[in-house]
Structure formats: structure tokens, C-alpha cells
Amino acid sequence: MSQSDQEKKRITVEINKRSYTIVGHEEPHHIRMVSSLVDQKMREIHEANPSLDTAKLAVLTAVNTMNEYIKLKEECTELMNYIEKKEKEDRGNHD
């Protein structure tokens, strides 16, 4: 077994009333938090669309999650650009 395999952690979580074993390098509390958020998002979508089967529910959850991720990434980029601009203005004012 390689050293990186030894460092991997295994944790069982429940998402949408099913158990999944997650294997990775993240801390167990992080995996539980991520799994809880996925479960919560799936419940929200299922409440609004109770006729969806599990596969369609999973795809809609992924699409919604990626949409939120992209929006947050764009906001982060805008903020970083704004900070950079302000820092350049401050340096220009001190010269």
C-alpha cells in the first residue's frame, strides 16, 4: 500500500436516505459537512419536484450546485479584482 493510500480516510455518510463510503484525504468533519449540504440540497429539490427519480434528482442537484459555485467564483474574482485595483490606487497615492 502506498503512503498516499495510507493517508486516505474512509467515512460513511448518508445522502438521500442511502449510505455512501467516501474515501479521500479530507478530514471526516469536512466530508460530513459536504455530505450534509448535498443531502440538504437534494431534499430541497425533492420537495419542489417530488416525482423525480433518484438519478434526475442527483443531476438537478449537481446542476444547481455548480450554478451556485460558478456564481460564487465570479463574485470572488470580482472582489479580488476590486481589492487589487484599490491596492494599486493606494500605492499610487503614496508615491
N, C-alpha and C. Protein backbone atom coordinates (compact mmCIF):
# COMPACT_ATOMS: atom_id res chain seq x y z
N MET A 1 0.85 -1.19 0.00
CA MET A 1 0.00 0.00 0.00
C MET A 1 0.89 1.24 0.00
N SER A 2 0.62 2.17 -0.89
CA SER A 2 1.45 3.38 -0.97
C SER A 2 1.14 4.30 0.20
N GLN A 3 2.07 5.23 0.42
CA GLN A 3 1.90 6.16 1.53
C GLN A 3 0.64 7.02 1.34
N SER A 4 0.35 7.41 0.09
CA SER A 4 -0.83 8.24 -0.14
C SER A 4 -2.11 7.45 0.13
N ASP A 5 -2.11 6.14 -0.14
CA ASP A 5 -3.27 5.31 0.19
C ASP A 5 -3.45 5.21 1.70
N GLN A 6 -2.35 5.17 2.43
CA GLN A 6 -2.42 5.09 3.88
C GLN A 6 -2.99 6.38 4.48
N GLU A 7 -2.75 7.50 3.81
CA GLU A 7 -3.22 8.78 4.33
C GLU A 7 -4.70 9.01 4.05
N LYS A 8 -5.28 8.22 3.16
CA LYS A 8 -6.68 8.39 2.83
C LYS A 8 -7.55 7.98 4.01
N LYS A 9 -8.64 8.70 4.14
CA LYS A 9 -9.58 8.43 5.22
C LYS A 9 -10.86 7.88 4.62
N ARG A 10 -11.51 6.97 5.33
CA ARG A 10 -12.79 6.40 4.90
C ARG A 10 -13.86 6.84 5.88
N ILE A 11 -14.96 7.32 5.33
CA ILE A 11 -16.07 7.73 6.19
C ILE A 11 -17.37 7.38 5.48
N THR A 12 -18.32 6.86 6.24
CA THR A 12 -19.62 6.53 5.69
C THR A 12 -20.59 7.65 6.03
N VAL A 13 -21.30 8.12 5.01
CA VAL A 13 -22.26 9.21 5.18
C VAL A 13 -23.59 8.78 4.60
N GLU A 14 -24.63 9.52 4.96
CA GLU A 14 -25.96 9.24 4.40
C GLU A 14 -26.41 10.44 3.58
N ILE A 15 -26.77 10.17 2.34
CA ILE A 15 -27.28 11.21 1.44
C ILE A 15 -28.54 10.64 0.79
N ASN A 16 -29.62 11.37 0.91
CA ASN A 16 -30.90 10.95 0.32
C ASN A 16 -31.29 9.54 0.76
N LYS A 17 -31.12 9.30 2.06
CA LYS A 17 -31.51 8.02 2.70
C LYS A 17 -30.71 6.82 2.20
N ARG A 18 -29.52 7.08 1.64
CA ARG A 18 -28.64 5.99 1.21
C ARG A 18 -27.26 6.21 1.80
N SER A 19 -26.59 5.12 2.14
CA SER A 19 -25.25 5.20 2.72
C SER A 19 -24.20 5.15 1.61
N TYR A 20 -23.18 6.00 1.77
CA TYR A 20 -22.06 6.05 0.84
C TYR A 20 -20.77 6.07 1.65
N THR A 21 -19.79 5.31 1.19
CA THR A 21 -18.47 5.36 1.81
C THR A 21 -17.61 6.27 0.95
N ILE A 22 -17.12 7.34 1.57
CA ILE A 22 -16.28 8.31 0.89
C ILE A 22 -14.84 8.04 1.30
N VAL A 23 -13.96 7.96 0.31
CA VAL A 23 -12.53 7.74 0.57
C VAL A 23 -11.77 8.93 0.01
N GLY A 24 -10.96 9.55 0.86
CA GLY A 24 -10.19 10.69 0.40
C GLY A 24 -9.26 11.22 1.47
N HIS A 25 -8.68 12.36 1.18
CA HIS A 25 -7.69 12.95 2.08
C HIS A 25 -8.29 13.99 3.03
N GLU A 26 -9.52 14.40 2.78
CA GLU A 26 -10.14 15.43 3.62
C GLU A 26 -10.46 14.88 5.01
N GLU A 27 -10.55 15.80 5.96
CA GLU A 27 -10.88 15.41 7.33
C GLU A 27 -12.34 14.93 7.39
N PRO A 28 -12.63 13.97 8.26
CA PRO A 28 -14.00 13.45 8.36
C PRO A 28 -15.06 14.53 8.60
N HIS A 29 -14.76 15.53 9.43
CA HIS A 29 -15.77 16.57 9.69
C HIS A 29 -16.07 17.35 8.41
N HIS A 30 -15.08 17.52 7.54
CA HIS A 30 -15.30 18.23 6.27
C HIS A 30 -16.19 17.39 5.35
N ILE A 31 -15.91 16.11 5.26
CA ILE A 31 -16.73 15.21 4.43
C ILE A 31 -18.16 15.18 4.95
N ARG A 32 -18.34 15.13 6.27
CA ARG A 32 -19.70 15.14 6.83
C ARG A 32 -20.43 16.43 6.49
N MET A 33 -19.73 17.56 6.56
CA MET A 33 -20.35 18.84 6.23
C MET A 33 -20.76 18.88 4.76
N VAL A 34 -19.87 18.47 3.86
CA VAL A 34 -20.18 18.46 2.43
C VAL A 34 -21.36 17.53 2.16
N SER A 35 -21.33 16.36 2.75
CA SER A 35 -22.41 15.38 2.55
C SER A 35 -23.73 15.92 3.07
N SER A 36 -23.69 16.60 4.18
CA SER A 36 -24.90 17.19 4.76
C SER A 36 -25.48 18.25 3.83
N LEU A 37 -24.61 19.07 3.24
CA LEU A 37 -25.08 20.09 2.30
C LEU A 37 -25.68 19.47 1.04
N VAL A 38 -25.07 18.40 0.54
CA VAL A 38 -25.62 17.70 -0.63
C VAL A 38 -26.99 17.12 -0.27
N ASP A 39 -27.08 16.49 0.88
CA ASP A 39 -28.35 15.91 1.33
C ASP A 39 -29.42 16.99 1.46
N GLN A 40 -29.06 18.11 2.05
CA GLN A 40 -29.99 19.23 2.22
C GLN A 40 -30.48 19.75 0.87
N LYS A 41 -29.56 19.93 -0.09
CA LYS A 41 -29.93 20.42 -1.42
C LYS A 41 -30.85 19.41 -2.12
N MET A 42 -30.55 18.13 -1.98
CA MET A 42 -31.40 17.11 -2.60
C MET A 42 -32.80 17.13 -2.00
N ARG A 43 -32.89 17.33 -0.70
CA ARG A 43 -34.21 17.40 -0.04
C ARG A 43 -35.00 18.60 -0.55
N GLU A 44 -34.33 19.74 -0.68
CA GLU A 44 -34.99 20.95 -1.18
C GLU A 44 -35.55 20.72 -2.58
N ILE A 45 -34.75 20.15 -3.45
CA ILE A 45 -35.18 19.92 -4.82
C ILE A 45 -36.29 18.87 -4.86
N HIS A 46 -36.16 17.83 -4.03
CA HIS A 46 -37.18 16.78 -3.99
C HIS A 46 -38.52 17.33 -3.50
N GLU A 47 -38.48 18.23 -2.52
CA GLU A 47 -39.72 18.84 -2.03
C GLU A 47 -40.44 19.61 -3.13
N ALA A 48 -39.66 20.29 -3.97
CA ALA A 48 -40.25 21.08 -5.06
C ALA A 48 -40.65 20.20 -6.24
N ASN A 49 -40.01 19.03 -6.36
CA ASN A 49 -40.25 18.12 -7.50
C ASN A 49 -40.35 16.68 -6.99
N PRO A 50 -41.42 16.34 -6.28
CA PRO A 50 -41.49 15.00 -5.64
C PRO A 50 -41.54 13.82 -6.61
N SER A 51 -41.83 14.07 -7.88
CA SER A 51 -41.93 12.95 -8.82
C SER A 51 -40.58 12.55 -9.43
N LEU A 52 -39.51 13.30 -9.14
CA LEU A 52 -38.20 12.98 -9.72
C LEU A 52 -37.65 11.67 -9.19
N ASP A 53 -37.07 10.87 -10.09
CA ASP A 53 -36.38 9.68 -9.61
C ASP A 53 -34.99 10.09 -9.10
N THR A 54 -34.30 9.16 -8.48
CA THR A 54 -33.02 9.47 -7.84
C THR A 54 -31.98 10.01 -8.82
N ALA A 55 -31.91 9.44 -10.01
CA ALA A 55 -30.91 9.89 -10.99
C ALA A 55 -31.18 11.33 -11.41
N LYS A 56 -32.43 11.65 -11.72
CA LYS A 56 -32.76 13.02 -12.12
C LYS A 56 -32.57 13.99 -10.96
N LEU A 57 -32.90 13.54 -9.77
CA LEU A 57 -32.70 14.37 -8.58
C LEU A 57 -31.21 14.67 -8.39
N ALA A 58 -30.37 13.66 -8.58
CA ALA A 58 -28.92 13.84 -8.43
C ALA A 58 -28.38 14.81 -9.48
N VAL A 59 -28.86 14.69 -10.73
CA VAL A 59 -28.39 15.58 -11.79
C VAL A 59 -28.83 17.02 -11.51
N LEU A 60 -30.08 17.21 -11.12
CA LEU A 60 -30.55 18.56 -10.80
C LEU A 60 -29.77 19.15 -9.62
N THR A 61 -29.45 18.31 -8.65
CA THR A 61 -28.66 18.77 -7.50
C THR A 61 -27.27 19.21 -7.97
N ALA A 62 -26.66 18.42 -8.84
CA ALA A 62 -25.33 18.77 -9.36
C ALA A 62 -25.39 20.06 -10.17
N VAL A 63 -26.39 20.21 -11.02
CA VAL A 63 -26.52 21.42 -11.83
C VAL A 63 -26.72 22.64 -10.95
N ASN A 64 -27.61 22.54 -9.96
CA ASN A 64 -27.84 23.66 -9.05
C ASN A 64 -26.58 24.01 -8.26
N THR A 65 -25.89 22.99 -7.80
CA THR A 65 -24.68 23.22 -7.01
C THR A 65 -23.59 23.87 -7.85
N MET A 66 -23.41 23.41 -9.08
CA MET A 66 -22.39 24.02 -9.95
C MET A 66 -22.78 25.46 -10.32
N ASN A 67 -24.06 25.72 -10.51
CA ASN A 67 -24.52 27.07 -10.77
C ASN A 67 -24.14 28.00 -9.61
N GLU A 68 -24.41 27.54 -8.39
CA GLU A 68 -24.05 28.33 -7.21
C GLU A 68 -22.54 28.51 -7.11
N TYR A 69 -21.79 27.46 -7.40
CA TYR A 69 -20.33 27.51 -7.37
C TYR A 69 -19.79 28.54 -8.36
N ILE A 70 -20.31 28.52 -9.59
CA ILE A 70 -19.84 29.45 -10.61
C ILE A 70 -20.15 30.89 -10.21
N LYS A 71 -21.35 31.12 -9.69
CA LYS A 71 -21.70 32.47 -9.24
C LYS A 71 -20.77 32.95 -8.13
N LEU A 72 -20.49 32.08 -7.17
CA LEU A 72 -19.57 32.44 -6.08
C LEU A 72 -18.16 32.69 -6.60
N LYS A 73 -17.72 31.88 -7.55
CA LYS A 73 -16.39 32.05 -8.12
C LYS A 73 -16.29 33.39 -8.84
N GLU A 74 -17.35 33.76 -9.59
CA GLU A 74 -17.37 35.05 -10.28
C GLU A 74 -17.35 36.19 -9.28
N GLU A 75 -18.12 36.07 -8.20
CA GLU A 75 -18.12 37.10 -7.16
C GLU A 75 -16.74 37.23 -6.53
N CYS A 76 -16.10 36.11 -6.28
CA CYS A 76 -14.76 36.12 -5.69
C CYS A 76 -13.77 36.81 -6.63
N THR A 77 -13.85 36.51 -7.92
CA THR A 77 -12.97 37.15 -8.90
C THR A 77 -13.19 38.65 -8.92
N GLU A 78 -14.47 39.07 -8.92
CA GLU A 78 -14.78 40.50 -8.90
C GLU A 78 -14.19 41.16 -7.65
N LEU A 79 -14.34 40.51 -6.51
CA LEU A 79 -13.80 41.07 -5.26
C LEU A 79 -12.27 41.16 -5.30
N MET A 80 -11.64 40.11 -5.81
CA MET A 80 -10.18 40.11 -5.89
C MET A 80 -9.70 41.22 -6.83
N ASN A 81 -10.39 41.41 -7.95
CA ASN A 81 -10.04 42.49 -8.88
C ASN A 81 -10.23 43.86 -8.22
N TYR A 82 -11.31 44.01 -7.47
CA TYR A 82 -11.59 45.26 -6.77
C TYR A 82 -10.50 45.55 -5.74
N ILE A 83 -10.11 44.54 -4.97
CA ILE A 83 -9.06 44.70 -3.96
C ILE A 83 -7.74 45.09 -4.64
N GLU A 84 -7.42 44.39 -5.72
CA GLU A 84 -6.18 44.68 -6.44
C GLU A 84 -6.18 46.12 -6.97
N LYS A 85 -7.31 46.55 -7.50
CA LYS A 85 -7.44 47.92 -8.01
C LYS A 85 -7.24 48.92 -6.88
N LYS A 86 -7.87 48.68 -5.74
CA LYS A 86 -7.75 49.59 -4.59
C LYS A 86 -6.31 49.64 -4.08
N GLU A 87 -5.65 48.48 -4.05
CA GLU A 87 -4.26 48.45 -3.59
C GLU A 87 -3.36 49.24 -4.52
N LYS A 88 -3.60 49.13 -5.83
CA LYS A 88 -2.82 49.90 -6.79
C LYS A 88 -3.07 51.41 -6.63
N GLU A 89 -4.33 51.76 -6.39
CA GLU A 89 -4.66 53.19 -6.17
C GLU A 89 -3.97 53.70 -4.92
N ASP A 90 -3.98 52.90 -3.85
CA ASP A 90 -3.33 53.31 -2.59
C ASP A 90 -1.82 53.48 -2.79
N ARG A 91 -1.19 52.58 -3.53
CA ARG A 91 0.25 52.69 -3.79
C ARG A 91 0.54 53.93 -4.62
N GLY A 92 -0.34 54.23 -5.57
CA GLY A 92 -0.18 55.40 -6.41
C GLY A 92 -0.32 56.70 -5.61
N ASN A 93 -1.16 56.68 -4.59
CA ASN A 93 -1.37 57.86 -3.75
C ASN A 93 -0.22 58.08 -2.76
N HIS A 94 0.55 57.05 -2.50
CA HIS A 94 1.65 57.16 -1.52
C HIS A 94 2.98 57.50 -2.18
N ASP A 95 3.04 57.49 -3.49
CA ASP A 95 4.31 57.78 -4.18
C ASP A 95 4.55 59.27 -4.27
